[in-house]
Amino acid sequence: MGRPRTNDTAVRERLVACATEMFATRPQGSVTVRALATAAGTSTAAVYTLFQGKDGLIREVRDRAIAGLFEDLTAVSGSESALEDLYALAAAYRHWGLEHRHLYAVLFGGAQSFVPSTRVGDRDPVRPLVAAIDRAVADRILAGDTTRIAVSLWVALHGLVNLELAGSLDGAAAGTAFRSTIDAVLRGWATPAALPGLRGAYPAL
């Protein structure tokens, strides 16, 4: 019997898929190279050949999660209204989290979490959100520091998506909670002149 191949694309993708689920559902320390290899139906050598070890596989899973979220958020069509764009980005973030629950768990609270910083890279998932907030501040719809506004909105989004993924919010209740929470966060940063127009402005979230 020939030795199993350890460096082809199929093996690589199986390892990434298995690692994504395992890192999202188990403590990092309990996920061994052997457990990853067994789940993917390959040898431990494959993990080292393809990813230089467990840490490299973690980075691959995390990088794919970041790239996927960035792609979905940048795919949101811009409009003439920065406020409308913020609501659309919030909805896209929620959709990505619900559609990619294992990747979301790895990225935001799993084996190697993404930590927002004050420096936004070219492919940072928060970049589209920051750009829309910058526009809203320039248009005098929102008032405050862009980073602080972005963090407050992300905290709300993260909490809502986590509750929905855990089953604590579902169906109509999840949609209602999402709309009302995002409305409340944006109203909290709104200028007095813009405040009347924010209440319930975009109920289709």
N, C-alpha and C. Protein backbone atom coordinates (compact mmCIF):
# COMPACT_ATOMS: atom_id res chain seq x y z
N MET A 1 0.85 -1.19 0.00
CA MET A 1 0.00 0.00 0.00
C MET A 1 0.89 1.25 0.00
N GLY A 2 0.58 2.19 -0.87
CA GLY A 2 1.37 3.41 -0.94
C GLY A 2 1.10 4.31 0.26
N ARG A 3 2.03 5.18 0.54
CA ARG A 3 1.86 6.12 1.64
C ARG A 3 0.85 7.19 1.27
N PRO A 4 0.00 7.65 2.20
CA PRO A 4 -1.00 8.67 1.87
C PRO A 4 -0.32 9.98 1.48
N ARG A 5 -0.93 10.65 0.52
CA ARG A 5 -0.39 11.93 0.10
C ARG A 5 -0.61 12.96 1.20
N THR A 6 0.38 13.79 1.43
CA THR A 6 0.30 14.74 2.55
C THR A 6 0.32 16.19 2.11
N ASN A 7 0.39 16.43 0.80
CA ASN A 7 0.55 17.82 0.38
C ASN A 7 -0.33 18.23 -0.79
N ASP A 8 -1.43 17.52 -1.02
CA ASP A 8 -2.29 17.93 -2.13
C ASP A 8 -3.39 18.87 -1.64
N THR A 9 -4.10 19.46 -2.60
CA THR A 9 -5.12 20.46 -2.28
C THR A 9 -6.27 19.87 -1.48
N ALA A 10 -6.66 18.65 -1.81
CA ALA A 10 -7.78 18.03 -1.10
C ALA A 10 -7.47 17.84 0.38
N VAL A 11 -6.25 17.38 0.67
CA VAL A 11 -5.85 17.20 2.07
C VAL A 11 -5.82 18.54 2.78
N ARG A 12 -5.28 19.55 2.12
CA ARG A 12 -5.20 20.89 2.71
C ARG A 12 -6.60 21.41 3.07
N GLU A 13 -7.55 21.24 2.14
CA GLU A 13 -8.90 21.75 2.39
C GLU A 13 -9.60 20.96 3.49
N ARG A 14 -9.36 19.65 3.56
CA ARG A 14 -9.95 18.87 4.64
C ARG A 14 -9.40 19.30 5.99
N LEU A 15 -8.11 19.54 6.05
CA LEU A 15 -7.51 19.99 7.31
C LEU A 15 -8.07 21.34 7.74
N VAL A 16 -8.22 22.25 6.80
CA VAL A 16 -8.77 23.57 7.14
C VAL A 16 -10.21 23.44 7.62
N ALA A 17 -11.01 22.61 6.94
CA ALA A 17 -12.41 22.43 7.34
C ALA A 17 -12.52 21.82 8.73
N CYS A 18 -11.74 20.77 8.97
CA CYS A 18 -11.77 20.12 10.29
C CYS A 18 -11.27 21.06 11.38
N ALA A 19 -10.20 21.79 11.09
CA ALA A 19 -9.66 22.72 12.07
C ALA A 19 -10.65 23.82 12.39
N THR A 20 -11.34 24.32 11.38
CA THR A 20 -12.33 25.37 11.59
C THR A 20 -13.38 24.93 12.59
N GLU A 21 -13.91 23.74 12.40
CA GLU A 21 -14.95 23.24 13.31
C GLU A 21 -14.38 22.94 14.69
N MET A 22 -13.22 22.29 14.74
CA MET A 22 -12.66 21.89 16.03
C MET A 22 -12.23 23.08 16.86
N PHE A 23 -11.60 24.08 16.24
CA PHE A 23 -11.17 25.26 17.00
C PHE A 23 -12.36 26.09 17.47
N ALA A 24 -13.47 25.99 16.75
CA ALA A 24 -14.65 26.75 17.14
C ALA A 24 -15.44 26.09 18.26
N THR A 25 -15.27 24.77 18.42
CA THR A 25 -16.11 24.04 19.36
C THR A 25 -15.37 23.39 20.52
N ARG A 26 -14.02 23.46 20.51
CA ARG A 26 -13.25 22.84 21.58
C ARG A 26 -12.19 23.80 22.10
N PRO A 27 -11.75 23.62 23.35
CA PRO A 27 -10.63 24.41 23.85
C PRO A 27 -9.40 24.17 22.98
N GLN A 28 -8.64 25.21 22.73
CA GLN A 28 -7.49 25.10 21.83
C GLN A 28 -6.51 24.02 22.28
N GLY A 29 -6.28 23.95 23.59
CA GLY A 29 -5.31 22.99 24.09
C GLY A 29 -5.69 21.54 23.84
N SER A 30 -6.99 21.27 23.68
CA SER A 30 -7.43 19.89 23.47
C SER A 30 -7.35 19.47 22.02
N VAL A 31 -7.10 20.42 21.13
CA VAL A 31 -7.03 20.09 19.70
C VAL A 31 -5.57 19.84 19.35
N THR A 32 -5.22 18.59 19.23
CA THR A 32 -3.84 18.21 18.94
C THR A 32 -3.64 18.03 17.44
N VAL A 33 -2.38 18.01 17.03
CA VAL A 33 -2.07 17.75 15.63
C VAL A 33 -2.60 16.38 15.22
N ARG A 34 -2.47 15.41 16.11
CA ARG A 34 -2.95 14.06 15.80
C ARG A 34 -4.48 14.07 15.62
N ALA A 35 -5.18 14.79 16.50
CA ALA A 35 -6.64 14.85 16.39
C ALA A 35 -7.06 15.52 15.07
N LEU A 36 -6.35 16.56 14.69
CA LEU A 36 -6.65 17.24 13.43
C LEU A 36 -6.42 16.31 12.24
N ALA A 37 -5.29 15.61 12.27
CA ALA A 37 -4.96 14.71 11.17
C ALA A 37 -5.96 13.57 11.08
N THR A 38 -6.35 13.01 12.21
CA THR A 38 -7.31 11.91 12.22
C THR A 38 -8.65 12.36 11.67
N ALA A 39 -9.11 13.52 12.10
CA ALA A 39 -10.40 14.04 11.63
C ALA A 39 -10.39 14.28 10.13
N ALA A 40 -9.24 14.68 9.59
CA ALA A 40 -9.12 14.97 8.16
C ALA A 40 -8.76 13.73 7.34
N GLY A 41 -8.53 12.60 8.01
CA GLY A 41 -8.19 11.38 7.32
C GLY A 41 -6.82 11.41 6.68
N THR A 42 -5.87 12.02 7.38
CA THR A 42 -4.52 12.10 6.85
C THR A 42 -3.51 11.84 7.97
N SER A 43 -2.26 12.11 7.71
CA SER A 43 -1.21 11.87 8.70
C SER A 43 -0.81 13.17 9.39
N THR A 44 -0.17 13.05 10.53
CA THR A 44 0.30 14.25 11.23
C THR A 44 1.34 14.99 10.40
N ALA A 45 2.06 14.23 9.56
CA ALA A 45 3.07 14.87 8.71
C ALA A 45 2.46 15.90 7.78
N ALA A 46 1.19 15.68 7.39
CA ALA A 46 0.53 16.62 6.48
C ALA A 46 0.39 17.99 7.11
N VAL A 47 0.10 18.02 8.42
CA VAL A 47 -0.06 19.30 9.11
C VAL A 47 1.24 20.10 9.07
N TYR A 48 2.34 19.40 9.24
CA TYR A 48 3.65 20.08 9.22
C TYR A 48 4.09 20.41 7.79
N THR A 49 3.79 19.51 6.86
CA THR A 49 4.18 19.75 5.47
C THR A 49 3.42 20.94 4.88
N LEU A 50 2.13 21.01 5.16
CA LEU A 50 1.28 22.03 4.55
C LEU A 50 1.21 23.33 5.34
N PHE A 51 1.34 23.25 6.67
CA PHE A 51 1.13 24.44 7.50
C PHE A 51 2.25 24.70 8.51
N GLN A 52 3.28 23.92 8.48
CA GLN A 52 4.38 24.03 9.43
C GLN A 52 3.93 23.84 10.88
N GLY A 53 2.84 23.13 11.08
CA GLY A 53 2.38 22.82 12.41
C GLY A 53 1.01 23.39 12.73
N LYS A 54 0.59 23.17 13.96
CA LYS A 54 -0.74 23.57 14.41
C LYS A 54 -0.94 25.08 14.35
N ASP A 55 0.05 25.86 14.76
CA ASP A 55 -0.09 27.31 14.75
C ASP A 55 -0.30 27.84 13.34
N GLY A 56 0.38 27.24 12.38
CA GLY A 56 0.21 27.66 11.00
C GLY A 56 -1.18 27.35 10.48
N LEU A 57 -1.74 26.22 10.92
CA LEU A 57 -3.10 25.87 10.52
C LEU A 57 -4.11 26.83 11.15
N ILE A 58 -3.87 27.21 12.40
CA ILE A 58 -4.73 28.19 13.06
C ILE A 58 -4.71 29.51 12.27
N ARG A 59 -3.52 29.94 11.89
CA ARG A 59 -3.41 31.19 11.12
C ARG A 59 -4.16 31.11 9.80
N GLU A 60 -4.08 29.94 9.15
CA GLU A 60 -4.78 29.77 7.87
C GLU A 60 -6.29 29.90 8.06
N VAL A 61 -6.83 29.25 9.09
CA VAL A 61 -8.26 29.33 9.36
C VAL A 61 -8.66 30.77 9.67
N ARG A 62 -7.87 31.42 10.50
CA ARG A 62 -8.17 32.81 10.88
C ARG A 62 -8.08 33.74 9.68
N ASP A 63 -7.05 33.56 8.85
CA ASP A 63 -6.88 34.42 7.68
C ASP A 63 -8.04 34.26 6.70
N ARG A 64 -8.51 33.02 6.56
CA ARG A 64 -9.65 32.80 5.66
C ARG A 64 -10.91 33.45 6.21
N ALA A 65 -11.08 33.41 7.52
CA ALA A 65 -12.24 34.05 8.12
C ALA A 65 -12.20 35.55 7.89
N ILE A 66 -11.05 36.17 8.12
CA ILE A 66 -10.90 37.60 7.91
C ILE A 66 -11.17 37.96 6.45
N ALA A 67 -10.61 37.17 5.54
CA ALA A 67 -10.79 37.44 4.11
C ALA A 67 -12.25 37.31 3.70
N GLY A 68 -12.94 36.30 4.23
CA GLY A 68 -14.34 36.10 3.89
C GLY A 68 -15.22 37.22 4.38
N LEU A 69 -15.02 37.65 5.62
CA LEU A 69 -15.81 38.75 6.16
C LEU A 69 -15.52 40.04 5.42
N PHE A 70 -14.24 40.29 5.13
CA PHE A 70 -13.86 41.49 4.38
C PHE A 70 -14.53 41.49 3.00
N GLU A 71 -14.53 40.34 2.34
CA GLU A 71 -15.13 40.25 1.00
C GLU A 71 -16.62 40.56 1.04
N ASP A 72 -17.32 40.02 2.03
CA ASP A 72 -18.76 40.25 2.10
C ASP A 72 -19.09 41.70 2.43
N LEU A 73 -18.30 42.31 3.30
CA LEU A 73 -18.58 43.70 3.67
C LEU A 73 -18.23 44.66 2.53
N THR A 74 -17.16 44.40 1.83
CA THR A 74 -16.80 45.28 0.71
C THR A 74 -17.74 45.08 -0.48
N ALA A 75 -18.49 43.98 -0.49
CA ALA A 75 -19.45 43.73 -1.57
C ALA A 75 -20.73 44.54 -1.39
N VAL A 76 -20.91 45.14 -0.22
CA VAL A 76 -22.10 45.97 0.01
C VAL A 76 -22.04 47.19 -0.89
N SER A 77 -23.06 47.38 -1.68
CA SER A 77 -23.10 48.51 -2.62
C SER A 77 -23.22 49.82 -1.86
N GLY A 78 -22.34 50.75 -2.17
CA GLY A 78 -22.40 52.06 -1.54
C GLY A 78 -23.57 52.88 -2.08
N SER A 79 -24.03 53.80 -1.29
CA SER A 79 -25.12 54.68 -1.70
C SER A 79 -24.74 56.12 -1.39
N GLU A 80 -25.63 57.03 -1.65
CA GLU A 80 -25.36 58.43 -1.36
C GLU A 80 -25.54 58.72 0.12
N SER A 81 -26.12 57.78 0.85
CA SER A 81 -26.38 57.98 2.27
C SER A 81 -25.43 57.13 3.11
N ALA A 82 -24.57 57.78 3.88
CA ALA A 82 -23.66 57.05 4.75
C ALA A 82 -24.44 56.25 5.80
N LEU A 83 -25.56 56.79 6.25
CA LEU A 83 -26.37 56.11 7.25
C LEU A 83 -26.96 54.82 6.68
N GLU A 84 -27.46 54.90 5.46
CA GLU A 84 -28.00 53.71 4.82
C GLU A 84 -26.90 52.66 4.64
N ASP A 85 -25.70 53.11 4.32
CA ASP A 85 -24.59 52.18 4.17
C ASP A 85 -24.25 51.49 5.49
N LEU A 86 -24.34 52.22 6.59
CA LEU A 86 -24.06 51.62 7.90
C LEU A 86 -25.06 50.52 8.22
N TYR A 87 -26.32 50.76 7.94
CA TYR A 87 -27.32 49.73 8.17
C TYR A 87 -27.07 48.52 7.27
N ALA A 88 -26.71 48.77 6.01
CA ALA A 88 -26.44 47.67 5.09
C ALA A 88 -25.22 46.86 5.53
N LEU A 89 -24.20 47.53 6.04
CA LEU A 89 -23.01 46.83 6.53
C LEU A 89 -23.33 46.01 7.77
N ALA A 90 -24.17 46.55 8.64
CA ALA A 90 -24.59 45.81 9.84
C ALA A 90 -25.32 44.53 9.43
N ALA A 91 -26.21 44.65 8.44
CA ALA A 91 -26.95 43.48 7.98
C ALA A 91 -26.02 42.46 7.34
N ALA A 92 -25.01 42.92 6.58
CA ALA A 92 -24.06 42.01 5.94
C ALA A 92 -23.21 41.29 6.98
N TYR A 93 -22.81 42.00 8.03
CA TYR A 93 -22.04 41.39 9.11
C TYR A 93 -22.85 40.28 9.78
N ARG A 94 -24.08 40.57 10.06
CA ARG A 94 -24.95 39.56 10.68
C ARG A 94 -25.11 38.35 9.77
N HIS A 95 -25.36 38.59 8.51
CA HIS A 95 -25.56 37.49 7.56
C HIS A 95 -24.31 36.61 7.49
N TRP A 96 -23.12 37.24 7.42
CA TRP A 96 -21.89 36.45 7.34
C TRP A 96 -21.71 35.60 8.59
N GLY A 97 -21.95 36.18 9.74
CA GLY A 97 -21.79 35.44 10.99
C GLY A 97 -22.72 34.24 11.08
N LEU A 98 -23.96 34.41 10.65
CA LEU A 98 -24.93 33.32 10.72
C LEU A 98 -24.64 32.24 9.67
N GLU A 99 -24.12 32.64 8.53
CA GLU A 99 -23.83 31.69 7.46
C GLU A 99 -22.50 30.96 7.68
N HIS A 100 -21.61 31.52 8.48
CA HIS A 100 -20.29 30.93 8.70
C HIS A 100 -20.01 30.84 10.21
N ARG A 101 -20.85 30.12 10.90
CA ARG A 101 -20.81 30.13 12.37
C ARG A 101 -19.47 29.61 12.91
N HIS A 102 -18.88 28.61 12.27
CA HIS A 102 -17.60 28.10 12.78
C HIS A 102 -16.48 29.10 12.55
N LEU A 103 -16.45 29.70 11.36
CA LEU A 103 -15.44 30.72 11.10
C LEU A 103 -15.62 31.91 12.02
N TYR A 104 -16.86 32.29 12.27
CA TYR A 104 -17.13 33.41 13.16
C TYR A 104 -16.61 33.12 14.56
N ALA A 105 -16.85 31.90 15.02
CA ALA A 105 -16.40 31.54 16.36
C ALA A 105 -14.88 31.56 16.46
N VAL A 106 -14.21 31.08 15.41
CA VAL A 106 -12.74 31.11 15.42
C VAL A 106 -12.23 32.54 15.40
N LEU A 107 -12.86 33.37 14.57
CA LEU A 107 -12.39 34.75 14.41
C LEU A 107 -12.67 35.60 15.65
N PHE A 108 -13.85 35.45 16.23
CA PHE A 108 -14.24 36.29 17.36
C PHE A 108 -14.49 35.45 18.61
N GLY A 109 -13.41 34.89 19.14
CA GLY A 109 -13.56 34.18 20.40
C GLY A 109 -13.15 32.73 20.38
N GLY A 110 -12.54 32.30 19.30
CA GLY A 110 -12.12 30.91 19.20
C GLY A 110 -10.66 30.73 19.53
N ALA A 111 -9.98 29.92 18.74
CA ALA A 111 -8.60 29.55 19.03
C ALA A 111 -7.65 30.73 18.98
N GLN A 112 -7.88 31.61 18.03
CA GLN A 112 -6.98 32.76 17.88
C GLN A 112 -7.83 33.94 17.42
N SER A 113 -8.26 34.76 18.34
CA SER A 113 -9.25 35.78 18.04
C SER A 113 -8.68 37.00 17.33
N PHE A 114 -9.51 37.58 16.51
CA PHE A 114 -9.20 38.85 15.87
C PHE A 114 -9.45 39.97 16.89
N VAL A 115 -8.49 40.84 17.06
CA VAL A 115 -8.62 41.93 18.02
C VAL A 115 -8.59 43.26 17.27
N PRO A 116 -9.72 44.01 17.26
CA PRO A 116 -9.72 45.30 16.58
C PRO A 116 -8.67 46.22 17.16
N SER A 117 -8.03 47.00 16.31
CA SER A 117 -7.03 47.95 16.78
C SER A 117 -7.29 49.31 16.16
N THR A 118 -6.51 50.29 16.58
CA THR A 118 -6.70 51.64 16.05
C THR A 118 -6.11 51.76 14.65
N ARG A 119 -5.30 50.81 14.24
CA ARG A 119 -4.71 50.84 12.90
C ARG A 119 -5.48 49.90 11.99
N VAL A 120 -6.09 50.45 10.95
CA VAL A 120 -6.92 49.67 10.05
C VAL A 120 -6.13 49.33 8.80
N GLY A 121 -5.91 48.03 8.55
CA GLY A 121 -5.18 47.60 7.37
C GLY A 121 -6.05 47.63 6.12
N ASP A 122 -5.41 47.43 4.97
CA ASP A 122 -6.12 47.51 3.70
C ASP A 122 -7.21 46.46 3.57
N ARG A 123 -7.01 45.28 4.21
CA ARG A 123 -8.01 44.22 4.11
C ARG A 123 -8.61 43.88 5.47
N ASP A 124 -8.61 44.85 6.34
CA ASP A 124 -9.23 44.70 7.65
C ASP A 124 -10.75 44.74 7.48
N PRO A 125 -11.48 43.75 8.04
CA PRO A 125 -12.94 43.75 7.89
C PRO A 125 -13.62 45.02 8.41
N VAL A 126 -12.97 45.72 9.32
CA VAL A 126 -13.59 46.92 9.87
C VAL A 126 -13.45 48.13 8.95
N ARG A 127 -12.63 48.03 7.91
CA ARG A 127 -12.38 49.18 7.03
C ARG A 127 -13.66 49.74 6.41
N PRO A 128 -14.55 48.91 5.80
CA PRO A 128 -15.77 49.47 5.22
C PRO A 128 -16.64 50.19 6.25
N LEU A 129 -16.68 49.66 7.47
CA LEU A 129 -17.46 50.28 8.53
C LEU A 129 -16.87 51.65 8.91
N VAL A 130 -15.56 51.70 9.05
CA VAL A 130 -14.88 52.96 9.39
C VAL A 130 -15.11 53.99 8.30
N ALA A 131 -15.04 53.57 7.04
CA ALA A 131 -15.24 54.50 5.93
C ALA A 131 -16.65 55.09 5.96
N ALA A 132 -17.64 54.26 6.24
CA ALA A 132 -19.02 54.76 6.30
C ALA A 132 -19.22 55.69 7.49
N ILE A 133 -18.58 55.39 8.61
CA ILE A 133 -18.68 56.26 9.78
C ILE A 133 -18.01 57.59 9.50
N ASP A 134 -16.85 57.56 8.85
CA ASP A 134 -16.17 58.80 8.48
C ASP A 134 -17.08 59.69 7.64
N ARG A 135 -17.79 59.08 6.69
CA ARG A 135 -18.71 59.85 5.86
C ARG A 135 -19.85 60.42 6.68
N ALA A 136 -20.39 59.61 7.60
CA ALA A 136 -21.50 60.06 8.42
C ALA A 136 -21.09 61.23 9.32
N VAL A 137 -19.85 61.17 9.83
CA VAL A 137 -19.34 62.28 10.65
C VAL A 137 -19.15 63.52 9.78
N ALA A 138 -18.59 63.35 8.59
CA ALA A 138 -18.37 64.48 7.68
C ALA A 138 -19.69 65.11 7.26
N ASP A 139 -20.74 64.28 7.13
CA ASP A 139 -22.06 64.78 6.73
C ASP A 139 -22.87 65.29 7.92
N ARG A 140 -22.25 65.28 9.10
CA ARG A 140 -22.88 65.76 10.34
C ARG A 140 -24.15 64.98 10.70
N ILE A 141 -24.10 63.69 10.38
CA ILE A 141 -25.17 62.78 10.81
C ILE A 141 -24.81 62.18 12.16
N LEU A 142 -23.52 61.80 12.29
CA LEU A 142 -23.00 61.30 13.56
C LEU A 142 -21.94 62.27 14.06
N ALA A 143 -21.77 62.30 15.37
CA ALA A 143 -20.77 63.19 15.98
C ALA A 143 -19.95 62.39 16.98
N GLY A 144 -18.63 62.45 16.84
CA GLY A 144 -17.76 61.73 17.76
C GLY A 144 -16.55 61.19 17.06
N ASP A 145 -15.72 60.50 17.82
CA ASP A 145 -14.51 59.89 17.28
C ASP A 145 -14.87 58.64 16.49
N THR A 146 -14.36 58.53 15.28
CA THR A 146 -14.71 57.42 14.40
C THR A 146 -14.41 56.07 15.05
N THR A 147 -13.24 55.93 15.67
CA THR A 147 -12.86 54.66 16.28
C THR A 147 -13.83 54.27 17.39
N ARG A 148 -14.20 55.23 18.22
CA ARG A 148 -15.12 54.94 19.32
C ARG A 148 -16.50 54.54 18.79
N ILE A 149 -16.95 55.22 17.75
CA ILE A 149 -18.24 54.86 17.15
C ILE A 149 -18.18 53.46 16.58
N ALA A 150 -17.08 53.16 15.87
CA ALA A 150 -16.92 51.84 15.26
C ALA A 150 -16.89 50.73 16.31
N VAL A 151 -16.18 50.96 17.39
CA VAL A 151 -16.10 49.95 18.45
C VAL A 151 -17.46 49.72 19.09
N SER A 152 -18.20 50.79 19.36
CA SER A 152 -19.52 50.64 19.99
C SER A 152 -20.48 49.89 19.08
N LEU A 153 -20.41 50.17 17.78
CA LEU A 153 -21.28 49.47 16.84
C LEU A 153 -20.86 48.00 16.72
N TRP A 154 -19.55 47.75 16.68
CA TRP A 154 -19.08 46.36 16.59
C TRP A 154 -19.46 45.57 17.84
N VAL A 155 -19.34 46.17 19.00
CA VAL A 155 -19.71 45.48 20.24
C VAL A 155 -21.18 45.05 20.19
N ALA A 156 -22.04 45.96 19.71
CA ALA A 156 -23.46 45.63 19.59
C ALA A 156 -23.68 44.51 18.58
N LEU A 157 -23.03 44.61 17.43
CA LEU A 157 -23.17 43.58 16.41
C LEU A 157 -22.68 42.22 16.92
N HIS A 158 -21.53 42.23 17.56
CA HIS A 158 -20.94 40.99 18.06
C HIS A 158 -21.86 40.33 19.08
N GLY A 159 -22.38 41.12 19.99
CA GLY A 159 -23.28 40.57 21.00
C GLY A 159 -24.54 39.98 20.39
N LEU A 160 -25.11 40.69 19.44
CA LEU A 160 -26.34 40.22 18.79
C LEU A 160 -26.11 38.93 18.02
N VAL A 161 -25.03 38.89 17.24
CA VAL A 161 -24.75 37.68 16.46
C VAL A 161 -24.46 36.50 17.37
N ASN A 162 -23.71 36.71 18.44
CA ASN A 162 -23.42 35.62 19.37
C ASN A 162 -24.69 35.08 20.01
N LEU A 163 -25.59 35.96 20.40
CA LEU A 163 -26.85 35.52 21.00
C LEU A 163 -27.68 34.73 19.99
N GLU A 164 -27.67 35.19 18.74
CA GLU A 164 -28.43 34.48 17.72
C GLU A 164 -27.81 33.11 17.42
N LEU A 165 -26.50 33.05 17.36
CA LEU A 165 -25.82 31.77 17.11
C LEU A 165 -26.07 30.79 18.25
N ALA A 166 -26.17 31.31 19.47
CA ALA A 166 -26.38 30.45 20.63
C ALA A 166 -27.84 30.02 20.76
N GLY A 167 -28.72 30.59 19.93
CA GLY A 167 -30.13 30.24 20.00
C GLY A 167 -30.91 31.04 21.02
N SER A 168 -30.27 32.03 21.65
CA SER A 168 -30.97 32.87 22.63
C SER A 168 -31.91 33.85 21.95
N LEU A 169 -31.63 34.16 20.69
CA LEU A 169 -32.52 34.98 19.87
C LEU A 169 -32.77 34.23 18.58
N ASP A 170 -34.02 34.17 18.17
CA ASP A 170 -34.30 33.53 16.89
C ASP A 170 -35.57 34.10 16.28
N GLY A 171 -35.77 33.82 15.01
CA GLY A 171 -36.98 34.24 14.32
C GLY A 171 -37.20 35.74 14.36
N ALA A 172 -38.47 36.11 14.56
CA ALA A 172 -38.85 37.52 14.56
C ALA A 172 -38.19 38.27 15.70
N ALA A 173 -37.99 37.59 16.82
CA ALA A 173 -37.35 38.25 17.97
C ALA A 173 -35.94 38.68 17.65
N ALA A 174 -35.22 37.86 16.90
CA ALA A 174 -33.84 38.20 16.52
C ALA A 174 -33.83 39.42 15.62
N GLY A 175 -34.73 39.45 14.63
CA GLY A 175 -34.79 40.58 13.72
C GLY A 175 -35.15 41.86 14.44
N THR A 176 -36.12 41.78 15.34
CA THR A 176 -36.54 42.96 16.10
C THR A 176 -35.42 43.47 16.99
N ALA A 177 -34.74 42.56 17.68
CA ALA A 177 -33.63 42.95 18.55
C ALA A 177 -32.51 43.59 17.75
N PHE A 178 -32.25 43.03 16.58
CA PHE A 178 -31.18 43.57 15.75
C PHE A 178 -31.49 44.99 15.30
N ARG A 179 -32.69 45.19 14.78
CA ARG A 179 -33.07 46.53 14.30
C ARG A 179 -33.05 47.55 15.43
N SER A 180 -33.66 47.21 16.55
CA SER A 180 -33.77 48.18 17.64
C SER A 180 -32.41 48.50 18.25
N THR A 181 -31.53 47.50 18.34
CA THR A 181 -30.21 47.72 18.94
C THR A 181 -29.34 48.60 18.04
N ILE A 182 -29.31 48.30 16.74
CA ILE A 182 -28.50 49.11 15.83
C ILE A 182 -29.05 50.53 15.77
N ASP A 183 -30.38 50.66 15.76
CA ASP A 183 -30.98 52.00 15.81
C ASP A 183 -30.53 52.75 17.05
N ALA A 184 -30.55 52.08 18.19
CA ALA A 184 -30.20 52.73 19.46
C ALA A 184 -28.75 53.18 19.47
N VAL A 185 -27.85 52.33 18.98
CA VAL A 185 -26.43 52.70 18.94
C VAL A 185 -26.21 53.92 18.05
N LEU A 186 -26.79 53.91 16.88
CA LEU A 186 -26.59 55.04 15.96
C LEU A 186 -27.26 56.31 16.49
N ARG A 187 -28.41 56.19 17.13
CA ARG A 187 -29.05 57.37 17.72
C ARG A 187 -28.18 57.96 18.82
N GLY A 188 -27.46 57.07 19.53
CA GLY A 188 -26.60 57.56 20.59
C GLY A 188 -25.47 58.44 20.09
N TRP A 189 -25.06 58.24 18.84
CA TRP A 189 -23.98 59.05 18.26
C TRP A 189 -24.51 60.12 17.31
N ALA A 190 -25.81 60.19 17.12
CA ALA A 190 -26.38 61.11 16.14
C ALA A 190 -26.29 62.57 16.59
N THR A 191 -26.15 63.45 15.62
CA THR A 191 -26.22 64.88 15.92
C THR A 191 -27.67 65.24 16.18
N PRO A 192 -27.94 66.31 16.93
CA PRO A 192 -29.33 66.70 17.20
C PRO A 192 -30.15 66.90 15.93
N ALA A 193 -29.53 67.45 14.90
CA ALA A 193 -30.25 67.71 13.66
C ALA A 193 -30.64 66.42 12.94
N ALA A 194 -29.79 65.40 13.06
CA ALA A 194 -30.05 64.15 12.35
C ALA A 194 -30.92 63.18 13.13
N LEU A 195 -31.04 63.39 14.43
CA LEU A 195 -31.72 62.43 15.30
C LEU A 195 -33.15 62.10 14.87
N PRO A 196 -33.99 63.07 14.51
CA PRO A 196 -35.37 62.72 14.14
C PRO A 196 -35.46 61.76 12.96
N GLY A 197 -34.50 61.83 12.05
CA GLY A 197 -34.55 60.98 10.87
C GLY A 197 -34.04 59.57 11.08
N LEU A 198 -33.42 59.30 12.23
CA LEU A 198 -32.87 57.98 12.47
C LEU A 198 -33.88 56.98 12.97
N ARG A 199 -34.85 57.42 13.74
CA ARG A 199 -35.74 56.49 14.41
C ARG A 199 -36.52 55.64 13.39
N GLY A 200 -36.22 54.37 13.36
CA GLY A 200 -36.94 53.45 12.49
C GLY A 200 -36.75 53.72 11.02
N ALA A 201 -35.63 54.37 10.66
CA ALA A 201 -35.46 54.77 9.27
C ALA A 201 -35.26 53.58 8.33
N TYR A 202 -34.65 52.52 8.83
CA TYR A 202 -34.33 51.37 7.97
C TYR A 202 -34.80 50.08 8.62
N PRO A 203 -36.11 49.85 8.62
CA PRO A 203 -36.67 48.68 9.31
C PRO A 203 -36.39 47.35 8.63
N ALA A 204 -35.77 47.36 7.43
CA ALA A 204 -35.59 46.11 6.70
C ALA A 204 -34.31 45.36 7.06
N LEU A 205 -33.64 45.76 8.14
CA LEU A 205 -32.41 45.06 8.54
C LEU A 205 -32.66 43.57 8.73
